[in-house]
C-alpha atoms as a PDB file:
ATOM      1  CA  UNK A   1      31.778  37.549  -6.063  1.00  0.00           C
ATOM      2  CA  UNK A   2      30.419  38.082  -9.570  1.00  0.00           C
ATOM      3  CA  UNK A   3      32.985  38.290 -12.370  1.00  0.00           C
ATOM      4  CA  UNK A   4      32.066  39.491 -15.890  1.00  0.00           C
ATOM      5  CA  UNK A   5      31.642  36.641 -18.349  1.00  0.00           C
ATOM      6  CA  UNK A   6      29.646  34.997 -21.124  1.00  0.00           C
ATOM      7  CA  UNK A   7      26.335  33.624 -19.806  1.00  0.00           C
ATOM      8  CA  UNK A   8      23.517  32.261 -21.969  1.00  0.00           C
ATOM      9  CA  UNK A   9      25.255  33.534 -25.093  1.00  0.00           C
ATOM     10  CA  UNK A  10      25.606  37.119 -23.817  1.00  0.00           C
ATOM     11  CA  UNK A  11      28.521  38.937 -22.246  1.00  0.00           C
ATOM     12  CA  UNK A  12      27.377  40.159 -18.832  1.00  0.00           C
ATOM     13  CA  UNK A  13      29.493  43.055 -17.584  1.00  0.00           C
ATOM     14  CA  UNK A  14      29.803  44.309 -14.023  1.00  0.00           C
ATOM     15  CA  UNK A  15      27.579  47.277 -14.981  1.00  0.00           C
ATOM     16  CA  UNK A  16      24.924  44.910 -16.391  1.00  0.00           C
ATOM     17  CA  UNK A  17      25.005  42.853 -13.202  1.00  0.00           C
ATOM     18  CA  UNK A  18      24.662  45.989 -11.049  1.00  0.00           C
ATOM     19  CA  UNK A  19      21.625  47.035 -13.120  1.00  0.00           C
ATOM     20  CA  UNK A  20      20.080  43.592 -12.569  1.00  0.00           C
ATOM     21  CA  UNK A  21      20.642  43.800  -8.812  1.00  0.00           C
ATOM     22  CA  UNK A  22      18.947  47.194  -8.736  1.00  0.00           C
ATOM     23  CA  UNK A  23      15.921  45.794 -10.592  1.00  0.00           C
ATOM     24  CA  UNK A  24      15.576  42.977  -8.078  1.00  0.00           C
ATOM     25  CA  UNK A  25      16.020  45.292  -5.091  1.00  0.00           C
ATOM     26  CA  UNK A  26      13.598  47.958  -6.358  1.00  0.00           C
ATOM     27  CA  UNK A  27      10.879  45.508  -7.427  1.00  0.00           C
ATOM     28  CA  UNK A  28      10.825  42.636  -4.924  1.00  0.00           C
ATOM     29  CA  UNK A  29       7.271  41.616  -5.882  1.00  0.00           C
ATOM     30  CA  UNK A  30       7.914  41.203  -9.602  1.00  0.00           C
ATOM     31  CA  UNK A  31       7.493  37.755 -11.108  1.00  0.00           C
ATOM     32  CA  UNK A  32      10.426  36.051 -12.807  1.00  0.00           C
ATOM     33  CA  UNK A  33       8.809  36.725 -16.164  1.00  0.00           C
ATOM     34  CA  UNK A  34       8.415  40.448 -15.434  1.00  0.00           C
ATOM     35  CA  UNK A  35      12.012  40.572 -14.260  1.00  0.00           C
ATOM     36  CA  UNK A  36      13.301  38.873 -17.414  1.00  0.00           C
ATOM     37  CA  UNK A  37      11.386  41.334 -19.617  1.00  0.00           C
ATOM     38  CA  UNK A  38      12.750  44.296 -17.680  1.00  0.00           C
ATOM     39  CA  UNK A  39      16.273  42.899 -17.976  1.00  0.00           C
ATOM     40  CA  UNK A  40      15.890  42.575 -21.750  1.00  0.00           C
ATOM     41  CA  UNK A  41      14.668  46.145 -21.963  1.00  0.00           C
ATOM     42  CA  UNK A  42      17.525  47.415 -19.803  1.00  0.00           C
ATOM     43  CA  UNK A  43      20.154  45.571 -21.873  1.00  0.00           C
ATOM     44  CA  UNK A  44      18.335  46.006 -25.203  1.00  0.00           C
ATOM     45  CA  UNK A  45      18.543  42.224 -25.587  1.00  0.00           C
ATOM     46  CA  UNK A  46      16.514  41.437 -28.696  1.00  0.00           C
ATOM     47  CA  UNK A  47      16.291  39.026 -31.598  1.00  0.00           C
ATOM     48  CA  UNK A  48      17.159  40.081 -35.132  1.00  0.00           C
ATOM     49  CA  UNK A  49      13.457  40.821 -35.656  1.00  0.00           C
ATOM     50  CA  UNK A  50      13.375  43.147 -32.625  1.00  0.00           C
ATOM     51  CA  UNK A  51      11.573  40.834 -30.185  1.00  0.00           C
ATOM     52  CA  UNK A  52      12.718  40.766 -26.563  1.00  0.00           C
ATOM     53  CA  UNK A  53      14.720  37.607 -25.752  1.00  0.00           C
ATOM     54  CA  UNK A  54      12.900  37.126 -22.451  1.00  0.00           C
ATOM     55  CA  UNK A  55      13.275  33.326 -22.439  1.00  0.00           C
ATOM     56  CA  UNK A  56      17.044  33.645 -22.836  1.00  0.00           C
ATOM     57  CA  UNK A  57      17.012  36.253 -20.071  1.00  0.00           C
ATOM     58  CA  UNK A  58      15.043  33.886 -17.853  1.00  0.00           C
ATOM     59  CA  UNK A  59      17.624  31.152 -18.374  1.00  0.00           C
ATOM     60  CA  UNK A  60      20.386  33.646 -17.607  1.00  0.00           C
ATOM     61  CA  UNK A  61      18.631  34.598 -14.354  1.00  0.00           C
ATOM     62  CA  UNK A  62      18.306  30.935 -13.403  1.00  0.00           C
ATOM     63  CA  UNK A  63      22.020  30.347 -13.993  1.00  0.00           C
ATOM     64  CA  UNK A  64      22.970  33.360 -11.862  1.00  0.00           C
ATOM     65  CA  UNK A  65      20.665  32.119  -9.099  1.00  0.00           C
ATOM     66  CA  UNK A  66      22.112  28.590  -9.268  1.00  0.00           C
ATOM     67  CA  UNK A  67      25.611  30.037  -8.853  1.00  0.00           C
ATOM     68  CA  UNK A  68      24.510  32.030  -5.815  1.00  0.00           C
ATOM     69  CA  UNK A  69      24.902  35.512  -7.338  1.00  0.00           C
ATOM     70  CA  UNK A  70      21.243  36.534  -7.056  1.00  0.00           C
ATOM     71  CA  UNK A  71      18.053  35.409  -5.320  1.00  0.00           C
ATOM     72  CA  UNK A  72      14.997  35.135  -7.544  1.00  0.00           C
ATOM     73  CA  UNK A  73      11.358  35.553  -6.462  1.00  0.00           C
ATOM     74  CA  UNK A  74       9.424  32.304  -5.892  1.00  0.00           C
ATOM     75  CA  UNK A  75       7.947  30.642  -8.969  1.00  0.00           C
ATOM     76  CA  UNK A  76       4.316  31.474  -9.595  1.00  0.00           C
ATOM     77  CA  UNK A  77       1.800  28.685 -10.012  1.00  0.00           C
ATOM     78  CA  UNK A  78      -0.067  30.343 -12.870  1.00  0.00           C
ATOM     79  CA  UNK A  79       0.558  32.754 -15.703  1.00  0.00           C
ATOM     80  CA  UNK A  80       3.721  33.134 -17.713  1.00  0.00           C
ATOM     81  CA  UNK A  81       4.573  31.669 -21.042  1.00  0.00           C
ATOM     82  CA  UNK A  82       2.315  28.916 -22.361  1.00  0.00           C
ATOM     83  CA  UNK A  83       3.816  25.988 -24.190  1.00  0.00           C
ATOM     84  CA  UNK A  84       2.156  23.270 -26.201  1.00  0.00           C
ATOM     85  CA  UNK A  85       0.618  20.812 -23.771  1.00  0.00           C
ATOM     86  CA  UNK A  86      -2.030  18.117 -24.005  1.00  0.00           C
ATOM     87  CA  UNK A  87      -5.332  19.431 -22.704  1.00  0.00           C
ATOM     88  CA  UNK A  88      -6.302  16.506 -20.511  1.00  0.00           C
ATOM     89  CA  UNK A  89      -5.205  13.019 -19.468  1.00  0.00           C
ATOM     90  CA  UNK A  90      -8.230  11.286 -21.118  1.00  0.00           C
ATOM     91  CA  UNK A  91      -7.321  12.904 -24.444  1.00  0.00           C
ATOM     92  CA  UNK A  92      -3.724  11.811 -24.036  1.00  0.00           C
ATOM     93  CA  UNK A  93      -4.818   8.264 -23.257  1.00  0.00           C
ATOM     94  CA  UNK A  94      -7.064   8.206 -26.317  1.00  0.00           C
ATOM     95  CA  UNK A  95      -4.362   9.552 -28.603  1.00  0.00           C
ATOM     96  CA  UNK A  96      -1.754   7.168 -27.279  1.00  0.00           C
ATOM     97  CA  UNK A  97      -3.898   4.100 -27.807  1.00  0.00           C
ATOM     98  CA  UNK A  98      -4.943   5.181 -31.293  1.00  0.00           C
ATOM     99  CA  UNK A  99      -1.366   4.644 -32.491  1.00  0.00           C
ATOM    100  CA  UNK A 100      -1.600   0.920 -33.100  1.00  0.00           C
ATOM    101  CA  UNK A 101      -2.675   0.348 -36.681  1.00  0.00           C
ATOM    102  CA  UNK A 102       0.253  -0.895 -38.734  1.00  0.00           C
ATOM    103  CA  UNK A 103       1.018   1.399 -41.658  1.00  0.00           C
ATOM    104  CA  UNK A 104       3.287  -0.156 -44.265  1.00  0.00           C
ATOM    105  CA  UNK A 105       3.754  -0.510 -47.992  1.00  0.00           C
ATOM    106  CA  UNK A 106       5.072   1.747 -50.764  1.00  0.00           C
ATOM    107  CA  UNK A 107       5.399   5.458 -50.074  1.00  0.00           C
ATOM    108  CA  UNK A 108       3.204   6.283 -53.078  1.00  0.00           C
ATOM    109  CA  UNK A 109       0.151   4.715 -51.427  1.00  0.00           C
ATOM    110  CA  UNK A 110       0.260   7.360 -48.652  1.00  0.00           C
ATOM    111  CA  UNK A 111       0.676  10.419 -50.836  1.00  0.00           C
ATOM    112  CA  UNK A 112       0.082  13.274 -50.942  1.00  0.00           C
ATOM    113  CA  UNK A 113       1.341  13.806 -47.400  1.00  0.00           C
ATOM    114  CA  UNK A 114      -0.070  16.606 -45.282  1.00  0.00           C
ATOM    115  CA  UNK A 115       2.471  18.665 -43.330  1.00  0.00           C
ATOM    116  CA  UNK A 116       0.782  20.672 -40.573  1.00  0.00           C
ATOM    117  CA  UNK A 117       2.514  23.578 -38.847  1.00  0.00           C
ATOM    118  CA  UNK A 118       1.287  22.948 -35.311  1.00  0.00           C
ATOM    119  CA  UNK A 119      -0.442  25.797 -33.478  1.00  0.00           C
ATOM    120  CA  UNK A 120      -0.900  25.971 -29.666  1.00  0.00           C
ATOM    121  CA  UNK A 121      -4.011  24.570 -27.999  1.00  0.00           C
ATOM    122  CA  UNK A 122      -5.212  22.514 -30.956  1.00  0.00           C
ATOM    123  CA  UNK A 123      -5.857  18.810 -31.408  1.00  0.00           C
ATOM    124  CA  UNK A 124      -2.709  18.686 -33.547  1.00  0.00           C
ATOM    125  CA  UNK A 125      -0.747  20.159 -30.612  1.00  0.00           C
ATOM    126  CA  UNK A 126      -2.068  17.407 -28.364  1.00  0.00           C
ATOM    127  CA  UNK A 127      -1.085  14.737 -30.865  1.00  0.00           C
ATOM    128  CA  UNK A 128       2.382  16.247 -31.333  1.00  0.00           C
ATOM    129  CA  UNK A 129       3.113  16.336 -27.587  1.00  0.00           C
ATOM    130  CA  UNK A 130       1.703  12.877 -26.997  1.00  0.00           C
ATOM    131  CA  UNK A 131       3.652  11.194 -29.789  1.00  0.00           C
ATOM    132  CA  UNK A 132       6.997  12.664 -28.755  1.00  0.00           C
ATOM    133  CA  UNK A 133       6.401  12.070 -25.049  1.00  0.00           C
ATOM    134  CA  UNK A 134       5.496   8.416 -25.629  1.00  0.00           C
ATOM    135  CA  UNK A 135       7.714   7.364 -28.500  1.00  0.00           C
ATOM    136  CA  UNK A 136      10.828   9.570 -28.754  1.00  0.00           C
ATOM    137  CA  UNK A 137      13.776   8.331 -26.717  1.00  0.00           C
ATOM    138  CA  UNK A 138      14.442  11.877 -25.443  1.00  0.00           C
ATOM    139  CA  UNK A 139      10.786  12.504 -24.614  1.00  0.00           C
ATOM    140  CA  UNK A 140       9.304  15.980 -24.829  1.00  0.00           C
ATOM    141  CA  UNK A 141       8.570  18.602 -22.178  1.00  0.00           C
ATOM    142  CA  UNK A 142       8.113  21.656 -24.359  1.00  0.00           C
ATOM    143  CA  UNK A 143      10.662  23.817 -26.154  1.00  0.00           C
ATOM    144  CA  UNK A 144      11.739  27.252 -24.970  1.00  0.00           C
ATOM    145  CA  UNK A 145      12.359  30.071 -27.391  1.00  0.00           C
ATOM    146  CA  UNK A 146      11.760  30.178 -31.119  1.00  0.00           C
ATOM    147  CA  UNK A 147      10.597  26.904 -32.659  1.00  0.00           C
ATOM    148  CA  UNK A 148       8.520  25.306 -35.405  1.00  0.00           C
ATOM    149  CA  UNK A 149       6.600  22.088 -34.909  1.00  0.00           C
ATOM    150  CA  UNK A 150       5.311  19.921 -37.744  1.00  0.00           C
ATOM    151  CA  UNK A 151       2.860  17.033 -37.647  1.00  0.00           C
ATOM    152  CA  UNK A 152       2.893  14.862 -40.783  1.00  0.00           C
ATOM    153  CA  UNK A 153      -0.165  12.861 -41.898  1.00  0.00           C
ATOM    154  CA  UNK A 154      -0.877  10.639 -44.875  1.00  0.00           C
ATOM    155  CA  UNK A 155      -3.628  11.147 -47.435  1.00  0.00           C
ATOM    156  CA  UNK A 156      -6.039   9.251 -45.152  1.00  0.00           C
ATOM    157  CA  UNK A 157      -5.460  11.611 -42.228  1.00  0.00           C
ATOM    158  CA  UNK A 158      -3.329   9.182 -40.192  1.00  0.00           C
ATOM    159  CA  UNK A 159      -0.440  10.546 -38.142  1.00  0.00           C
ATOM    160  CA  UNK A 160       2.966   9.463 -39.442  1.00  0.00           C
ATOM    161  CA  UNK A 161       5.664  11.687 -37.952  1.00  0.00           C
ATOM    162  CA  UNK A 162       6.597  14.677 -35.784  1.00  0.00           C
ATOM    163  CA  UNK A 163       9.405  17.125 -36.574  1.00  0.00           C
ATOM    164  CA  UNK A 164      10.669  19.917 -34.299  1.00  0.00           C
ATOM    165  CA  UNK A 165      13.028  22.779 -35.131  1.00  0.00           C
ATOM    166  CA  UNK A 166      14.404  25.246 -32.589  1.00  0.00           C
ATOM    167  CA  UNK A 167      17.403  27.379 -31.686  1.00  0.00           C
ATOM    168  CA  UNK A 168      20.881  26.302 -32.787  1.00  0.00           C
ATOM    169  CA  UNK A 169      23.542  24.973 -30.457  1.00  0.00           C
ATOM    170  CA  UNK A 170      25.681  27.789 -29.058  1.00  0.00           C
ATOM    171  CA  UNK A 171      28.938  26.047 -29.981  1.00  0.00           C
ATOM    172  CA  UNK A 172      29.815  23.057 -32.160  1.00  0.00           C
ATOM    173  CA  UNK A 173      33.458  22.855 -33.173  1.00  0.00           C
ATOM    174  CA  UNK A 174      32.938  20.871 -36.388  1.00  0.00           C
ATOM    175  CA  UNK A 175      30.031  23.078 -37.470  1.00  0.00           C
ATOM    176  CA  UNK A 176      31.865  26.292 -36.704  1.00  0.00           C
ATOM    177  CA  UNK A 177      34.980  25.107 -38.563  1.00  0.00           C
ATOM    178  CA  UNK A 178      32.864  24.184 -41.578  1.00  0.00           C
ATOM    179  CA  UNK A 179      31.274  27.641 -41.622  1.00  0.00           C
ATOM    180  CA  UNK A 180      34.554  29.394 -40.977  1.00  0.00           C
ATOM    181  CA  UNK A 181      33.143  32.180 -38.840  1.00  0.00           C
ATOM    182  CA  UNK A 182      34.722  33.947 -35.870  1.00  0.00           C
ATOM    183  CA  UNK A 183      33.378  33.892 -32.318  1.00  0.00           C
ATOM    184  CA  UNK A 184      32.064  37.412 -32.852  1.00  0.00           C
ATOM    185  CA  UNK A 185      30.310  36.450 -36.086  1.00  0.00           C
ATOM    186  CA  UNK A 186      28.788  33.416 -34.380  1.00  0.00           C
ATOM    187  CA  UNK A 187      27.501  35.583 -31.552  1.00  0.00           C
ATOM    188  CA  UNK A 188      25.945  38.030 -34.015  1.00  0.00           C
ATOM    189  CA  UNK A 189      24.455  35.559 -36.506  1.00  0.00           C
ATOM    190  CA  UNK A 190      23.675  32.354 -34.620  1.00  0.00           C
ATOM    191  CA  UNK A 191      19.963  33.094 -35.061  1.00  0.00           C
ATOM    192  CA  UNK A 192      20.427  32.318 -38.782  1.00  0.00           C
ATOM    193  CA  UNK A 193      20.911  28.620 -37.913  1.00  0.00           C
ATOM    194  CA  UNK A 194      18.038  26.421 -36.736  1.00  0.00           C
ATOM    195  CA  UNK A 195      18.273  23.019 -35.115  1.00  0.00           C
ATOM    196  CA  UNK A 196      16.256  19.896 -35.893  1.00  0.00           C
ATOM    197  CA  UNK A 197      16.052  18.696 -32.282  1.00  0.00           C
ATOM    198  CA  UNK A 198      13.356  16.024 -32.708  1.00  0.00           C
ATOM    199  CA  UNK A 199      12.410  13.783 -35.620  1.00  0.00           C
ATOM    200  CA  UNK A 200      10.064  10.888 -34.950  1.00  0.00           C
ATOM    201  CA  UNK A 201       8.522   8.386 -37.334  1.00  0.00           C
ATOM    202  CA  UNK A 202       5.809   6.697 -35.293  1.00  0.00           C
ATOM    203  CA  UNK A 203       6.780   3.113 -34.404  1.00  0.00           C
ATOM    204  CA  UNK A 204       3.831   1.503 -36.196  1.00  0.00           C
ATOM    205  CA  UNK A 205       4.759   3.251 -39.472  1.00  0.00           C
ATOM    206  CA  UNK A 206       7.080   1.135 -41.628  1.00  0.00           C
ATOM    207  CA  UNK A 207       7.334   2.732 -45.041  1.00  0.00           C
ATOM    208  CA  UNK A 208      10.628   2.708 -46.985  1.00  0.00           C
ATOM    209  CA  UNK A 209      12.078   6.138 -47.831  1.00  0.00           C
ATOM    210  CA  UNK A 210       9.420   7.948 -45.790  1.00  0.00           C
ATOM    211  CA  UNK A 211      11.853   9.697 -43.419  1.00  0.00           C
ATOM    212  CA  UNK A 212      14.038  11.253 -46.122  1.00  0.00           C
ATOM    213  CA  UNK A 213      10.930  12.202 -48.125  1.00  0.00           C
ATOM    214  CA  UNK A 214       9.486  14.051 -45.105  1.00  0.00           C
ATOM    215  CA  UNK A 215      12.767  15.860 -44.532  1.00  0.00           C
ATOM    216  CA  UNK A 216      12.777  16.959 -48.164  1.00  0.00           C
ATOM    217  CA  UNK A 217       9.229  18.319 -48.010  1.00  0.00           C
ATOM    218  CA  UNK A 218       9.849  20.258 -44.800  1.00  0.00           C
ATOM    219  CA  UNK A 219      13.215  21.644 -45.881  1.00  0.00           C
ATOM    220  CA  UNK A 220      11.601  23.178 -48.971  1.00  0.00           C
ATOM    221  CA  UNK A 221       9.249  25.239 -46.805  1.00  0.00           C
ATOM    222  CA  UNK A 222      11.290  25.616 -43.608  1.00  0.00           C
ATOM    223  CA  UNK A 223      13.009  28.904 -44.437  1.00  0.00           C
ATOM    224  CA  UNK A 224       9.809  30.679 -45.461  1.00  0.00           C
ATOM    225  CA  UNK A 225       7.853  29.263 -42.498  1.00  0.00           C
ATOM    226  CA  UNK A 226      10.493  30.487 -40.049  1.00  0.00           C
ATOM    227  CA  UNK A 227      10.676  33.900 -41.729  1.00  0.00           C
ATOM    228  CA  UNK A 228       6.890  34.244 -41.650  1.00  0.00           C
ATOM    229  CA  UNK A 229       6.787  33.478 -37.928  1.00  0.00           C
ATOM    230  CA  UNK A 230       9.921  35.255 -36.687  1.00  0.00           C
ATOM    231  CA  UNK A 231      10.887  37.696 -39.491  1.00  0.00           C
ATOM    232  CA  UNK A 232      14.293  35.983 -39.792  1.00  0.00           C
ATOM    233  CA  UNK A 233      15.392  34.068 -42.902  1.00  0.00           C
ATOM    234  CA  UNK A 234      17.626  31.226 -41.641  1.00  0.00           C
ATOM    235  CA  UNK A 235      20.599  30.149 -43.771  1.00  0.00           C
ATOM    236  CA  UNK A 236      21.441  26.735 -42.339  1.00  0.00           C
ATOM    237  CA  UNK A 237      19.798  23.811 -40.573  1.00  0.00           C
ATOM    238  CA  UNK A 238      21.674  21.530 -38.187  1.00  0.00           C
ATOM    239  CA  UNK A 239      20.981  18.299 -36.349  1.00  0.00           C
ATOM    240  CA  UNK A 240      22.863  16.033 -33.951  1.00  0.00           C
ATOM    241  CA  UNK A 241      22.477  12.273 -34.416  1.00  0.00           C
ATOM    242  CA  UNK A 242      23.446   9.997 -31.529  1.00  0.00           C
ATOM    243  CA  UNK A 243      25.734   7.599 -33.352  1.00  0.00           C
ATOM    244  CA  UNK A 244      25.306   4.638 -30.984  1.00  0.00           C
ATOM    245  CA  UNK A 245      21.567   4.661 -31.682  1.00  0.00           C
ATOM    246  CA  UNK A 246      21.217   5.826 -35.288  1.00  0.00           C
ATOM    247  CA  UNK A 247      23.161   5.730 -38.530  1.00  0.00           C
ATOM    248  CA  UNK A 248      21.764   8.993 -39.927  1.00  0.00           C
ATOM    249  CA  UNK A 249      20.752   7.285 -43.180  1.00  0.00           C
ATOM    250  CA  UNK A 250      17.644   9.418 -43.739  1.00  0.00           C
ATOM    251  CA  UNK A 251      19.638  12.637 -43.335  1.00  0.00           C
ATOM    252  CA  UNK A 252      22.268  11.522 -45.831  1.00  0.00           C
ATOM    253  CA  UNK A 253      19.522  10.448 -48.229  1.00  0.00           C
ATOM    254  CA  UNK A 254      17.989  13.923 -47.912  1.00  0.00           C
ATOM    255  CA  UNK A 255      21.376  15.497 -48.819  1.00  0.00           C
ATOM    256  CA  UNK A 256      22.426  16.668 -45.361  1.00  0.00           C
ATOM    257  CA  UNK A 257      26.203  16.971 -44.918  1.00  0.00           C
ATOM    258  CA  UNK A 258      27.986  15.171 -42.112  1.00  0.00           C
ATOM    259  CA  UNK A 259      30.714  17.598 -40.986  1.00  0.00           C
ATOM    260  CA  UNK A 260      32.032  15.873 -37.879  1.00  0.00           C
ATOM    261  CA  UNK A 261      31.013  14.834 -34.408  1.00  0.00           C
ATOM    262  CA  UNK A 262      30.645  16.223 -30.917  1.00  0.00           C
ATOM    263  CA  UNK A 263      33.321  15.790 -28.260  1.00  0.00           C
ATOM    264  CA  UNK A 264      31.199  13.697 -25.898  1.00  0.00           C
ATOM    265  CA  UNK A 265      31.162  16.376 -23.176  1.00  0.00           C
ATOM    266  CA  UNK A 266      28.217  18.295 -21.773  1.00  0.00           C
ATOM    267  CA  UNK A 267      28.149  22.096 -21.961  1.00  0.00           C
ATOM    268  CA  UNK A 268      27.274  22.050 -18.239  1.00  0.00           C
ATOM    269  CA  UNK A 269      30.344  19.975 -17.349  1.00  0.00           C
ATOM    270  CA  UNK A 270      32.906  22.597 -16.383  1.00  0.00           C
ATOM    271  CA  UNK A 271      35.338  20.054 -14.900  1.00  0.00           C
ATOM    272  CA  UNK A 272      35.238  17.732 -17.948  1.00  0.00           C
ATOM    273  CA  UNK A 273      34.251  14.730 -15.824  1.00  0.00           C
ATOM    274  CA  UNK A 274      30.845  13.860 -17.329  1.00  0.00           C
ATOM    275  CA  UNK A 275      30.676  11.899 -20.570  1.00  0.00           C
ATOM    276  CA  UNK A 276      27.636  12.139 -22.815  1.00  0.00           C
ATOM    277  CA  UNK A 277      26.863  10.224 -26.035  1.00  0.00           C
ATOM    278  CA  UNK A 278      28.891  11.261 -29.073  1.00  0.00           C
ATOM    279  CA  UNK A 279      26.727  12.677 -31.851  1.00  0.00           C
ATOM    280  CA  UNK A 280      27.324  13.097 -35.565  1.00  0.00           C
ATOM    281  CA  UNK A 281      26.765  16.665 -36.755  1.00  0.00           C
ATOM    282  CA  UNK A 282      24.753  17.119 -39.948  1.00  0.00           C
ATOM    283  CA  UNK A 283      24.122  20.408 -41.764  1.00  0.00           C
ATOM    284  CA  UNK A 284      21.753  21.420 -44.550  1.00  0.00           C
ATOM    285  CA  UNK A 285      22.189  24.765 -46.385  1.00  0.00           C
ATOM    286  CA  UNK A 286      18.911  26.653 -46.746  1.00  0.00           C
ATOM    287  CA  UNK A 287      20.381  29.091 -49.284  1.00  0.00           C
ATOM    288  CA  UNK A 288      23.324  28.952 -51.671  1.00  0.00           C
ATOM    289  CA  UNK A 289      25.286  31.793 -50.105  1.00  0.00           C
ATOM    290  CA  UNK A 290      24.873  30.605 -46.498  1.00  0.00           C
ATOM    291  CA  UNK A 291      28.587  30.940 -45.656  1.00  0.00           C
ATOM    292  CA  UNK A 292      28.730  34.488 -46.951  1.00  0.00           C
ATOM    293  CA  UNK A 293      25.642  35.429 -44.941  1.00  0.00           C
ATOM    294  CA  UNK A 294      26.895  33.797 -41.752  1.00  0.00           C
ATOM    295  CA  UNK A 295      30.378  35.312 -42.064  1.00  0.00           C
ATOM    296  CA  UNK A 296      29.345  38.762 -43.284  1.00  0.00           C
END
């Protein structure tokens, strides 16, 4: 039996759940996407810029289905939201094999760097997906929700790095203590934090100080880029660095603040039996009054 609770960052009441059941019963032929949009409209579930949070609603629907509370329509083979994907396997193969030329030496010999905000269905999008899928230890299968993707090239047009920003973690004890906000404030203003979920320097690129330099360039434009795309001016950037793999040197060199570490538990582990790698939590203020804005 359904009990009211917090799901996907939203409190779902018994009345909300009844409304969802009516939507499913009255429109059995709707796709999951159409259902998520209708749910957002019924609950007035929107971003700070007024956009429907249909991807969050879709994740909420999936969680309810996994717990046996609802039955969703079958997934459709076509349509729906498009994410950045490589256009064809031959192009992927070509891109992957192009990354072999050793790039090394002083940073100054590669400047000025070109930072490209990646757009869907472009050659840059193909390169971005390919590089992360092949060379990042977490891989890459697309990113749901709001995000910015950057491809960094040197002055000769050679790919050097990929950087991805997306939605902030729902909870992080050390981060939340540092900010000093309440659970209600976090719920209302979490969209003002963005998460650096991927940062890759290509393995054949060995240039001292390159990583921190790239972070500095992107951080200077990140707030305005995000505001231009989503009409939200973020106040804080966060990232989680797996401490057994990385020392976080480039983040410290770029003036990020280490505020603590994660607990080593997964958010999906309700019984506290699954251990995941401990990660250091780094934050970077995007405006001077970030605490005041987040705690307003």
